[in-house]
Each structure stands twice: as C-alpha cells, then as structure tokens.
Amino acid sequence: MSPSVSAPPQAPTQADLLEFVRRTAADAELIASLPLDPEGRTWVRLEGPGGSEAWLIGWPPGTGTGWHDHAESVGAFLTASGALNENSLAARLPADGWKTLELAEGVDRERTLPAGKGRSFDRHHVHEVFNASTEEHAISVHAYYPPLPQIRRYSRTGQVLRLEHVERPEDWQ
C-alpha cells in the first residue's frame, strides 16, 4: 500500500473569501477588540482561509483609502459595523504599461455597504473605500488571495485616472 499523498490545498475563491469575511464580521468579540483611533485607520492582521491575507480595519469618520487596486489578487470585504461606501470602475484596466488613462463614460459604480453587507471582486478591481459618516466609526473585514503582491495607488481628476505609485507588502506590514 502506498502512502497517501494529500492534494495541495485549493486556492480560495471569491465566494470562499466572502464567506470568510461574513463569518469573521459576525464575531462580536473580535470586532469589539479592534482598537479605534479617532485620527486614523487602525488594522489587525488576521489568519485568512487557504493562505489568504486578511485584515480587520477600523475607519474613523471621514477616512478612506483613495483610488487603488490589488493587482493580481481577488478579494472580498464586508462591513461589520457602521457603513462604508465604495466607488469602483466597471472597466478592466491594462495591467501594466500606462501612467495616465482616459476613462470611458458610464464606468463609475457607487454602493453603500451598511453593517452585514459586503462584496467580492476580481483581479485588477479599481476602487476607493471610505467612511462617509461624520460621527460614527466603521469596522470591516477584508481578505485577498493570493496575499497582496502590491497595491497600485491612483489619483483621479474627472475621467482621467493617473497611476501615482506602487506599494509593496513591506510598505504596509
């Protein structure tokens, strides 16, 4: 009899990541344990499913990410308390080789994600996430697979999106 060989773990899908953030956001004790800062976002790294990268993030009123993407990673996030807004682009951008891009009309999407609501997204998803409240903190759970190789940061003026810089894991860990 040959020794059993276990199959390599399967990469988590967007649905797996969304289920993970949903379960994690329902852990009231974990959510309450996040230290909140009135001046800036706070975060704690979590153990995500199947080798994914996961974060618990606190958002003071008026804070946000700015326009960015998660390169080759798929992801999911869910609001655990408060509400977050997301502006995103319903357009696939070229992966590399550009600094300024003129966006077509009609690519903008807006959504509000109150507590208990979340979403998943595919590779190269460009968005900004923010807490529009002037009074209430928001807390959210995020997961990405593969672990983030980079985050590209953009500025936007009208329909013009400009690549400003690229962050690597050592910049945020």
C-alpha atoms as a PDB file:
ATOM      1  CA  MET A   1       0.000   0.000   0.000  1.00  0.00           C
ATOM      2  CA  SER A   2       1.469   3.347  -0.974  1.00  0.00           C
ATOM      3  CA  PRO A   3       1.492   6.210   1.496  1.00  0.00           C
ATOM      4  CA  SER A   4      -1.338   8.643   0.992  1.00  0.00           C
ATOM      5  CA  VAL A   5      -0.388  11.869  -0.680  1.00  0.00           C
ATOM      6  CA  SER A   6      -2.604  14.788   0.129  1.00  0.00           C
ATOM      7  CA  ALA A   7      -3.585  17.067  -2.675  1.00  0.00           C
ATOM      8  CA  PRO A   8      -2.275  20.612  -2.474  1.00  0.00           C
ATOM      9  CA  PRO A   9      -4.780  22.962  -0.847  1.00  0.00           C
ATOM     10  CA  GLN A  10      -7.127  24.608  -3.300  1.00  0.00           C
ATOM     11  CA  ALA A  11      -6.848  28.361  -3.649  1.00  0.00           C
ATOM     12  CA  PRO A  12      -9.770  30.164  -2.024  1.00  0.00           C
ATOM     13  CA  THR A  13     -12.295  31.603  -4.465  1.00  0.00           C
ATOM     14  CA  GLN A  14     -14.033  34.962  -4.244  1.00  0.00           C
ATOM     15  CA  ALA A  15     -17.016  33.120  -2.713  1.00  0.00           C
ATOM     16  CA  ASP A  16     -14.741  31.497  -0.098  1.00  0.00           C
ATOM     17  CA  LEU A  17     -13.266  34.882   0.806  1.00  0.00           C
ATOM     18  CA  LEU A  18     -16.722  36.466   1.042  1.00  0.00           C
ATOM     19  CA  GLU A  19     -17.907  33.660   3.323  1.00  0.00           C
ATOM     20  CA  PHE A  20     -14.797  34.126   5.491  1.00  0.00           C
ATOM     21  CA  VAL A  21     -15.325  37.896   5.887  1.00  0.00           C
ATOM     22  CA  ARG A  22     -19.015  37.302   6.642  1.00  0.00           C
ATOM     23  CA  ARG A  23     -18.237  34.757   9.392  1.00  0.00           C
ATOM     24  CA  THR A  24     -15.433  36.896  10.810  1.00  0.00           C
ATOM     25  CA  ALA A  25     -17.550  40.066  10.880  1.00  0.00           C
ATOM     26  CA  ALA A  26     -20.185  38.158  12.883  1.00  0.00           C
ATOM     27  CA  ASP A  27     -17.630  37.557  15.687  1.00  0.00           C
ATOM     28  CA  ALA A  28     -18.745  40.370  18.005  1.00  0.00           C
ATOM     29  CA  GLU A  29     -15.873  39.786  20.437  1.00  0.00           C
ATOM     30  CA  LEU A  30     -13.258  40.093  17.677  1.00  0.00           C
ATOM     31  CA  ILE A  31     -14.889  43.222  16.240  1.00  0.00           C
ATOM     32  CA  ALA A  32     -15.056  44.837  19.690  1.00  0.00           C
ATOM     33  CA  SER A  33     -11.361  44.049  20.294  1.00  0.00           C
ATOM     34  CA  LEU A  34     -10.125  46.328  17.490  1.00  0.00           C
ATOM     35  CA  PRO A  35      -8.576  49.481  18.954  1.00  0.00           C
ATOM     36  CA  LEU A  36     -10.148  52.534  17.320  1.00  0.00           C
ATOM     37  CA  ASP A  37      -8.266  55.782  16.763  1.00  0.00           C
ATOM     38  CA  PRO A  38     -10.233  58.997  16.149  1.00  0.00           C
ATOM     39  CA  GLU A  39      -7.481  60.305  13.834  1.00  0.00           C
ATOM     40  CA  GLY A  40      -6.624  57.439  11.504  1.00  0.00           C
ATOM     41  CA  ARG A  41      -7.436  53.952  10.368  1.00  0.00           C
ATOM     42  CA  THR A  42      -6.371  51.035  12.551  1.00  0.00           C
ATOM     43  CA  TRP A  43      -5.882  47.440  11.478  1.00  0.00           C
ATOM     44  CA  VAL A  44      -5.045  43.979  12.711  1.00  0.00           C
ATOM     45  CA  ARG A  45      -3.823  41.153  10.504  1.00  0.00           C
ATOM     46  CA  LEU A  46      -5.978  38.010  10.598  1.00  0.00           C
ATOM     47  CA  GLU A  47      -5.419  34.416   9.516  1.00  0.00           C
ATOM     48  CA  GLY A  48      -7.346  34.065   6.257  1.00  0.00           C
ATOM     49  CA  PRO A  49      -8.526  30.830   4.623  1.00  0.00           C
ATOM     50  CA  GLY A  50      -6.207  28.813   2.390  1.00  0.00           C
ATOM     51  CA  GLY A  51      -3.197  31.081   2.818  1.00  0.00           C
ATOM     52  CA  SER A  52      -5.097  34.277   2.037  1.00  0.00           C
ATOM     53  CA  GLU A  53      -4.241  37.640   3.566  1.00  0.00           C
ATOM     54  CA  ALA A  54      -6.931  39.076   5.843  1.00  0.00           C
ATOM     55  CA  TRP A  55      -7.384  42.285   7.816  1.00  0.00           C
ATOM     56  CA  LEU A  56      -9.732  43.779  10.374  1.00  0.00           C
ATOM     57  CA  ILE A  57      -9.845  47.545   9.724  1.00  0.00           C
ATOM     58  CA  GLY A  58     -11.263  50.446  11.729  1.00  0.00           C
ATOM     59  CA  TRP A  59     -12.334  53.585   9.849  1.00  0.00           C
ATOM     60  CA  PRO A  60     -12.803  56.843  11.745  1.00  0.00           C
ATOM     61  CA  PRO A  61     -15.409  59.233  10.323  1.00  0.00           C
ATOM     62  CA  GLY A  62     -14.272  60.765   7.035  1.00  0.00           C
ATOM     63  CA  THR A  63     -11.370  58.379   6.329  1.00  0.00           C
ATOM     64  CA  GLY A  64     -10.797  56.354   3.187  1.00  0.00           C
ATOM     65  CA  THR A  65      -8.325  54.534   1.001  1.00  0.00           C
ATOM     66  CA  GLY A  66      -8.159  56.685  -2.109  1.00  0.00           C
ATOM     67  CA  TRP A  67      -8.292  55.016  -5.529  1.00  0.00           C
ATOM     68  CA  HIS A  68      -6.298  51.756  -5.671  1.00  0.00           C
ATOM     69  CA  ASP A  69      -6.302  48.170  -6.886  1.00  0.00           C
ATOM     70  CA  HIS A  70      -4.989  44.884  -5.528  1.00  0.00           C
ATOM     71  CA  ALA A  71      -3.097  43.792  -8.660  1.00  0.00           C
ATOM     72  CA  GLU A  72      -3.382  40.031  -9.262  1.00  0.00           C
ATOM     73  CA  SER A  73      -5.346  39.267  -6.089  1.00  0.00           C
ATOM     74  CA  VAL A  74      -9.060  38.543  -5.845  1.00  0.00           C
ATOM     75  CA  GLY A  75     -10.723  39.777  -2.693  1.00  0.00           C
ATOM     76  CA  ALA A  76     -13.752  40.367  -0.538  1.00  0.00           C
ATOM     77  CA  PHE A  77     -14.705  42.777   2.200  1.00  0.00           C
ATOM     78  CA  LEU A  78     -17.674  43.227   4.473  1.00  0.00           C
ATOM     79  CA  THR A  79     -18.747  45.979   6.844  1.00  0.00           C
ATOM     80  CA  ALA A  80     -19.003  44.670  10.417  1.00  0.00           C
ATOM     81  CA  SER A  81     -20.251  47.913  11.980  1.00  0.00           C
ATOM     82  CA  GLY A  82     -21.118  51.373  10.739  1.00  0.00           C
ATOM     83  CA  ALA A  83     -21.278  51.824   6.966  1.00  0.00           C
ATOM     84  CA  LEU A  84     -18.720  52.073   4.186  1.00  0.00           C
ATOM     85  CA  ASN A  85     -19.085  53.487   0.705  1.00  0.00           C
ATOM     86  CA  GLU A  86     -17.311  52.156  -2.349  1.00  0.00           C
ATOM     87  CA  ASN A  87     -16.726  53.886  -5.665  1.00  0.00           C
ATOM     88  CA  SER A  88     -15.445  51.493  -8.307  1.00  0.00           C
ATOM     89  CA  LEU A  89     -14.800  51.271 -12.022  1.00  0.00           C
ATOM     90  CA  ALA A  90     -16.742  48.789 -14.135  1.00  0.00           C
ATOM     91  CA  ALA A  91     -13.858  48.542 -16.574  1.00  0.00           C
ATOM     92  CA  ARG A  92     -10.858  46.278 -16.891  1.00  0.00           C
ATOM     93  CA  LEU A  93      -7.701  48.374 -16.904  1.00  0.00           C
ATOM     94  CA  PRO A  94      -4.468  47.376 -18.591  1.00  0.00           C
ATOM     95  CA  ALA A  95      -2.268  45.568 -16.050  1.00  0.00           C
ATOM     96  CA  ASP A  96       0.917  47.479 -16.871  1.00  0.00           C
ATOM     97  CA  GLY A  97       2.493  49.953 -19.232  1.00  0.00           C
ATOM     98  CA  TRP A  98       0.421  53.059 -18.546  1.00  0.00           C
ATOM     99  CA  LYS A  99       0.617  56.096 -16.285  1.00  0.00           C
ATOM    100  CA  THR A 100      -2.478  58.047 -17.370  1.00  0.00           C
ATOM    101  CA  LEU A 101      -5.732  56.623 -18.662  1.00  0.00           C
ATOM    102  CA  GLU A 102      -8.833  58.362 -20.001  1.00  0.00           C
ATOM    103  CA  LEU A 103     -11.872  56.524 -18.614  1.00  0.00           C
ATOM    104  CA  ALA A 104     -14.943  55.971 -20.747  1.00  0.00           C
ATOM    105  CA  GLU A 105     -18.252  57.490 -19.672  1.00  0.00           C
ATOM    106  CA  GLY A 106     -20.504  55.198 -17.655  1.00  0.00           C
ATOM    107  CA  VAL A 107     -17.807  53.136 -15.906  1.00  0.00           C
ATOM    108  CA  ASP A 108     -18.428  54.555 -12.430  1.00  0.00           C
ATOM    109  CA  ARG A 109     -20.246  52.449  -9.851  1.00  0.00           C
ATOM    110  CA  GLU A 110     -21.239  53.566  -6.354  1.00  0.00           C
ATOM    111  CA  ARG A 111     -22.506  51.454  -3.490  1.00  0.00           C
ATOM    112  CA  THR A 112     -23.111  51.812   0.219  1.00  0.00           C
ATOM    113  CA  LEU A 113     -22.318  48.813   2.392  1.00  0.00           C
ATOM    114  CA  PRO A 114     -24.041  49.030   5.788  1.00  0.00           C
ATOM    115  CA  ALA A 115     -23.206  46.573   8.580  1.00  0.00           C
ATOM    116  CA  GLY A 116     -23.619  42.994   7.362  1.00  0.00           C
ATOM    117  CA  LYS A 117     -23.165  43.846   3.667  1.00  0.00           C
ATOM    118  CA  GLY A 118     -20.086  43.112   1.628  1.00  0.00           C
ATOM    119  CA  ARG A 119     -18.824  42.180  -1.781  1.00  0.00           C
ATOM    120  CA  SER A 120     -16.167  40.243  -3.583  1.00  0.00           C
ATOM    121  CA  PHE A 121     -14.109  41.379  -6.536  1.00  0.00           C
ATOM    122  CA  ASP A 122     -11.830  40.043  -9.244  1.00  0.00           C
ATOM    123  CA  ARG A 123      -8.235  40.853 -10.131  1.00  0.00           C
ATOM    124  CA  HIS A 124      -7.403  44.441 -11.133  1.00  0.00           C
ATOM    125  CA  HIS A 125     -10.545  45.824  -9.441  1.00  0.00           C
ATOM    126  CA  VAL A 126     -10.022  49.580  -9.083  1.00  0.00           C
ATOM    127  CA  HIS A 127     -11.924  51.224  -6.245  1.00  0.00           C
ATOM    128  CA  GLU A 128     -11.897  53.585  -3.303  1.00  0.00           C
ATOM    129  CA  VAL A 129     -13.495  52.727   0.025  1.00  0.00           C
ATOM    130  CA  PHE A 130     -14.435  55.340   2.617  1.00  0.00           C
ATOM    131  CA  ASN A 131     -16.450  56.065   5.726  1.00  0.00           C
ATOM    132  CA  ALA A 132     -18.729  58.962   4.760  1.00  0.00           C
ATOM    133  CA  SER A 133     -20.100  59.330   8.286  1.00  0.00           C
ATOM    134  CA  THR A 134     -19.204  62.474  10.181  1.00  0.00           C
ATOM    135  CA  GLU A 135     -19.853  60.823  13.562  1.00  0.00           C
ATOM    136  CA  GLU A 136     -19.544  57.029  13.524  1.00  0.00           C
ATOM    137  CA  HIS A 137     -16.577  54.688  13.149  1.00  0.00           C
ATOM    138  CA  ALA A 138     -16.940  51.803  10.709  1.00  0.00           C
ATOM    139  CA  ILE A 139     -15.217  48.423  11.043  1.00  0.00           C
ATOM    140  CA  SER A 140     -14.705  46.000   8.190  1.00  0.00           C
ATOM    141  CA  VAL A 141     -13.088  42.646   7.405  1.00  0.00           C
ATOM    142  CA  HIS A 142     -11.037  42.158   4.208  1.00  0.00           C
ATOM    143  CA  ALA A 143      -9.439  39.086   2.596  1.00  0.00           C
ATOM    144  CA  TYR A 144      -7.234  38.726  -0.508  1.00  0.00           C
ATOM    145  CA  TYR A 145      -5.776  35.788  -2.417  1.00  0.00           C
ATOM    146  CA  PRO A 146      -3.047  35.429  -3.293  1.00  0.00           C
ATOM    147  CA  PRO A 147      -1.630  37.583  -0.485  1.00  0.00           C
ATOM    148  CA  LEU A 148      -1.229  41.082  -1.871  1.00  0.00           C
ATOM    149  CA  PRO A 149       1.837  41.294  -4.131  1.00  0.00           C
ATOM    150  CA  GLN A 150       1.320  45.045  -4.481  1.00  0.00           C
ATOM    151  CA  ILE A 151      -1.233  47.820  -4.293  1.00  0.00           C
ATOM    152  CA  ARG A 152      -1.284  50.389  -7.063  1.00  0.00           C
ATOM    153  CA  ARG A 153      -2.396  53.868  -5.929  1.00  0.00           C
ATOM    154  CA  TYR A 154      -4.156  56.244  -8.313  1.00  0.00           C
ATOM    155  CA  SER A 155      -5.340  59.825  -8.422  1.00  0.00           C
ATOM    156  CA  ARG A 156      -8.418  60.805 -10.351  1.00  0.00           C
ATOM    157  CA  THR A 157      -9.477  64.069 -11.911  1.00  0.00           C
ATOM    158  CA  GLY A 158     -12.734  63.826 -13.839  1.00  0.00           C
ATOM    159  CA  GLN A 159     -12.377  60.931 -16.278  1.00  0.00           C
ATOM    160  CA  VAL A 160      -8.560  60.830 -16.012  1.00  0.00           C
ATOM    161  CA  LEU A 161      -7.009  58.144 -13.821  1.00  0.00           C
ATOM    162  CA  ARG A 162      -3.299  58.512 -13.083  1.00  0.00           C
ATOM    163  CA  LEU A 163      -1.014  55.867 -11.572  1.00  0.00           C
ATOM    164  CA  GLU A 164       0.774  57.628  -8.705  1.00  0.00           C
ATOM    165  CA  HIS A 165       2.809  54.882  -7.045  1.00  0.00           C
ATOM    166  CA  VAL A 166       3.048  51.199  -6.269  1.00  0.00           C
ATOM    167  CA  GLU A 167       3.209  49.874  -2.720  1.00  0.00           C
ATOM    168  CA  ARG A 168       4.765  46.525  -1.838  1.00  0.00           C
ATOM    169  CA  PRO A 169       3.981  44.379   1.236  1.00  0.00           C
ATOM    170  CA  GLU A 170       6.931  45.801   3.165  1.00  0.00           C
ATOM    171  CA  ASP A 171       5.245  49.232   2.922  1.00  0.00           C
ATOM    172  CA  TRP A 172       2.205  48.204   4.999  1.00  0.00           C
ATOM    173  CA  GLN A 173       3.181  45.245   7.161  1.00  0.00           C
END
